[in-house]
């Protein structure tokens, strides 16, 4: 007979409600980051009149990369990072299309082309990167291990 005390308590994140909620949050984060990057990608700052620094494009790419990298490093699986990448790339692809009124959010210029393809490349690199494996250091020949007793010379009375 199984009593209530012997039943295992569910661990954090095991509930389907929590899993589906986290999937939706990751997808929405990707969509939000893609929309924000689309809005700011054309913003530039003139540096002493010498050249225009595409600060909007840099910040959009950096924010997207840090979102995906953070999800990828913190969580044990790629699922949430993949969903965030789908949201990011999907909204950028959707916003490149011409609206029914004829307006375009991502113009056909150098910054627009970079923003169109940068989230896809960033997502592929971060998702395809191999998992970091924690190394276990092997004891060297000079260092004694906990299992091996250290050899000590017997101390004589004359010393």
Protein backbone atom coordinates (compact mmCIF):
# COMPACT_ATOMS: atom_id res chain seq x y z
CA UNK A 1 0.00 0.00 0.00
CA UNK A 2 1.41 3.41 -0.99
CA UNK A 3 1.02 6.14 1.55
CA UNK A 4 1.08 9.87 0.91
CA UNK A 5 4.52 10.14 2.53
CA UNK A 6 6.19 7.80 0.03
CA UNK A 7 4.97 9.69 -3.05
CA UNK A 8 7.63 11.77 -4.69
CA UNK A 9 7.06 15.52 -4.69
CA UNK A 10 7.27 17.04 -8.19
CA UNK A 11 10.46 18.96 -8.87
CA UNK A 12 10.46 22.54 -10.05
CA UNK A 13 9.71 22.70 -13.77
CA UNK A 14 8.20 19.24 -14.09
CA UNK A 15 4.64 20.47 -14.44
CA UNK A 16 3.31 20.74 -18.00
CA UNK A 17 1.81 24.10 -17.11
CA UNK A 18 5.24 25.43 -16.14
CA UNK A 19 6.86 23.96 -19.25
CA UNK A 20 4.30 25.35 -21.67
CA UNK A 21 4.39 28.70 -19.89
CA UNK A 22 8.18 28.87 -20.20
CA UNK A 23 7.93 27.94 -23.90
CA UNK A 24 5.48 30.79 -24.48
CA UNK A 25 7.63 33.26 -22.54
CA UNK A 26 10.73 32.29 -24.57
CA UNK A 27 8.81 32.65 -27.84
CA UNK A 28 7.45 36.04 -26.78
CA UNK A 29 10.90 37.21 -25.70
CA UNK A 30 12.23 36.37 -29.16
CA UNK A 31 9.34 38.25 -30.79
CA UNK A 32 9.85 41.31 -28.57
CA UNK A 33 13.61 41.41 -29.18
CA UNK A 34 13.02 41.03 -32.93
CA UNK A 35 10.47 43.85 -32.97
CA UNK A 36 12.72 46.18 -30.96
CA UNK A 37 15.71 45.40 -33.16
CA UNK A 38 13.63 46.07 -36.26
CA UNK A 39 12.54 49.45 -34.94
CA UNK A 40 16.05 50.62 -33.97
CA UNK A 41 18.23 49.02 -36.68
CA UNK A 42 18.39 52.20 -38.81
CA UNK A 43 19.54 54.46 -35.95
CA UNK A 44 23.05 55.86 -36.47
CA UNK A 45 25.31 58.28 -34.62
CA UNK A 46 27.71 60.53 -36.49
CA UNK A 47 31.25 60.30 -35.12
CA UNK A 48 32.83 63.77 -35.55
CA UNK A 49 31.42 63.89 -39.08
CA UNK A 50 33.87 61.19 -40.20
CA UNK A 51 31.44 58.28 -40.37
CA UNK A 52 28.07 57.12 -39.11
CA UNK A 53 28.16 54.43 -36.41
CA UNK A 54 25.16 52.06 -36.77
CA UNK A 55 24.46 51.98 -33.05
CA UNK A 56 20.91 50.67 -33.52
CA UNK A 57 22.09 47.68 -35.54
CA UNK A 58 24.89 46.97 -33.08
CA UNK A 59 22.55 47.14 -30.08
CA UNK A 60 19.88 45.02 -31.80
CA UNK A 61 22.36 42.29 -32.74
CA UNK A 62 24.02 42.42 -29.33
CA UNK A 63 20.70 42.20 -27.47
CA UNK A 64 19.56 39.28 -29.62
CA UNK A 65 22.84 37.43 -29.15
CA UNK A 66 22.82 37.99 -25.39
CA UNK A 67 19.22 36.78 -25.08
CA UNK A 68 19.96 33.55 -26.91
CA UNK A 69 23.33 33.07 -25.25
CA UNK A 70 21.84 33.60 -21.80
CA UNK A 71 19.10 31.04 -22.41
CA UNK A 72 21.62 28.62 -23.90
CA UNK A 73 24.11 28.87 -21.03
CA UNK A 74 21.69 28.86 -18.11
CA UNK A 75 19.37 26.05 -19.16
CA UNK A 76 20.34 22.40 -19.63
CA UNK A 77 18.50 22.03 -22.97
CA UNK A 78 18.34 24.08 -26.14
CA UNK A 79 14.52 24.11 -26.23
CA UNK A 80 13.90 27.60 -24.84
CA UNK A 81 16.79 29.11 -26.80
CA UNK A 82 15.40 27.48 -29.94
CA UNK A 83 11.92 28.89 -29.30
CA UNK A 84 13.33 32.35 -28.66
CA UNK A 85 15.31 32.08 -31.92
CA UNK A 86 12.15 31.03 -33.79
CA UNK A 87 10.31 34.06 -32.42
CA UNK A 88 13.22 36.38 -33.23
CA UNK A 89 13.82 35.18 -36.77
CA UNK A 90 10.12 34.77 -37.49
CA UNK A 91 9.17 38.32 -36.54
CA UNK A 92 12.12 39.79 -38.44
CA UNK A 93 11.06 37.81 -41.51
CA UNK A 94 7.46 38.95 -41.09
CA UNK A 95 8.45 42.59 -40.66
CA UNK A 96 10.56 42.60 -43.84
CA UNK A 97 7.40 42.16 -45.89
CA UNK A 98 5.54 45.12 -47.29
CA UNK A 99 2.41 46.06 -45.34
CA UNK A 100 -0.98 46.40 -47.07
CA UNK A 101 -0.54 50.20 -46.95
CA UNK A 102 2.79 49.93 -48.78
CA UNK A 103 5.14 50.82 -45.90
CA UNK A 104 8.24 48.80 -45.12
CA UNK A 105 9.89 48.63 -41.68
CA UNK A 106 13.20 47.26 -42.93
CA UNK A 107 14.35 49.24 -45.98
CA UNK A 108 16.51 47.76 -48.73
CA UNK A 109 19.80 49.35 -47.66
CA UNK A 110 22.99 47.98 -46.09
CA UNK A 111 21.70 48.21 -42.51
CA UNK A 112 18.41 46.61 -43.50
CA UNK A 113 20.12 43.67 -45.20
CA UNK A 114 22.43 43.12 -42.25
CA UNK A 115 19.49 43.18 -39.82
CA UNK A 116 17.50 40.81 -42.04
CA UNK A 117 20.18 38.11 -41.95
CA UNK A 118 22.06 38.79 -38.67
CA UNK A 119 19.45 37.26 -36.31
CA UNK A 120 19.44 34.06 -38.37
CA UNK A 121 23.23 33.76 -38.35
CA UNK A 122 23.46 34.63 -34.65
CA UNK A 123 20.76 32.06 -33.82
CA UNK A 124 22.41 29.32 -35.85
CA UNK A 125 25.83 29.90 -34.29
CA UNK A 126 24.54 30.02 -30.71
CA UNK A 127 22.23 27.02 -31.08
CA UNK A 128 24.81 24.89 -32.91
CA UNK A 129 27.63 25.63 -30.47
CA UNK A 130 28.52 22.48 -28.51
CA UNK A 131 27.69 22.19 -24.85
CA UNK A 132 30.40 23.24 -22.45
CA UNK A 133 31.58 20.19 -20.55
CA UNK A 134 32.98 20.69 -17.09
CA UNK A 135 36.45 19.22 -16.92
CA UNK A 136 37.53 17.08 -14.05
CA UNK A 137 41.15 17.63 -13.22
CA UNK A 138 43.21 14.50 -12.91
CA UNK A 139 45.73 14.53 -10.07
CA UNK A 140 49.28 14.96 -11.24
CA UNK A 141 52.08 12.63 -10.25
CA UNK A 142 53.48 15.16 -7.77
CA UNK A 143 50.19 15.74 -5.93
CA UNK A 144 48.95 12.99 -3.61
CA UNK A 145 45.30 12.06 -3.88
CA UNK A 146 42.93 11.57 -0.98
CA UNK A 147 43.07 7.80 -1.48
CA UNK A 148 46.85 7.51 -1.43
CA UNK A 149 48.55 8.14 1.91
CA UNK A 150 51.60 10.34 1.73
CA UNK A 151 54.90 8.74 2.45
CA UNK A 152 56.75 10.27 5.35
CA UNK A 153 60.23 9.47 6.51
CA UNK A 154 60.37 8.16 10.01
CA UNK A 155 61.87 10.66 12.37
CA UNK A 156 64.82 9.34 14.31
CA UNK A 157 65.86 10.52 17.74
CA UNK A 158 69.21 11.78 16.43
CA UNK A 159 67.65 14.37 14.10
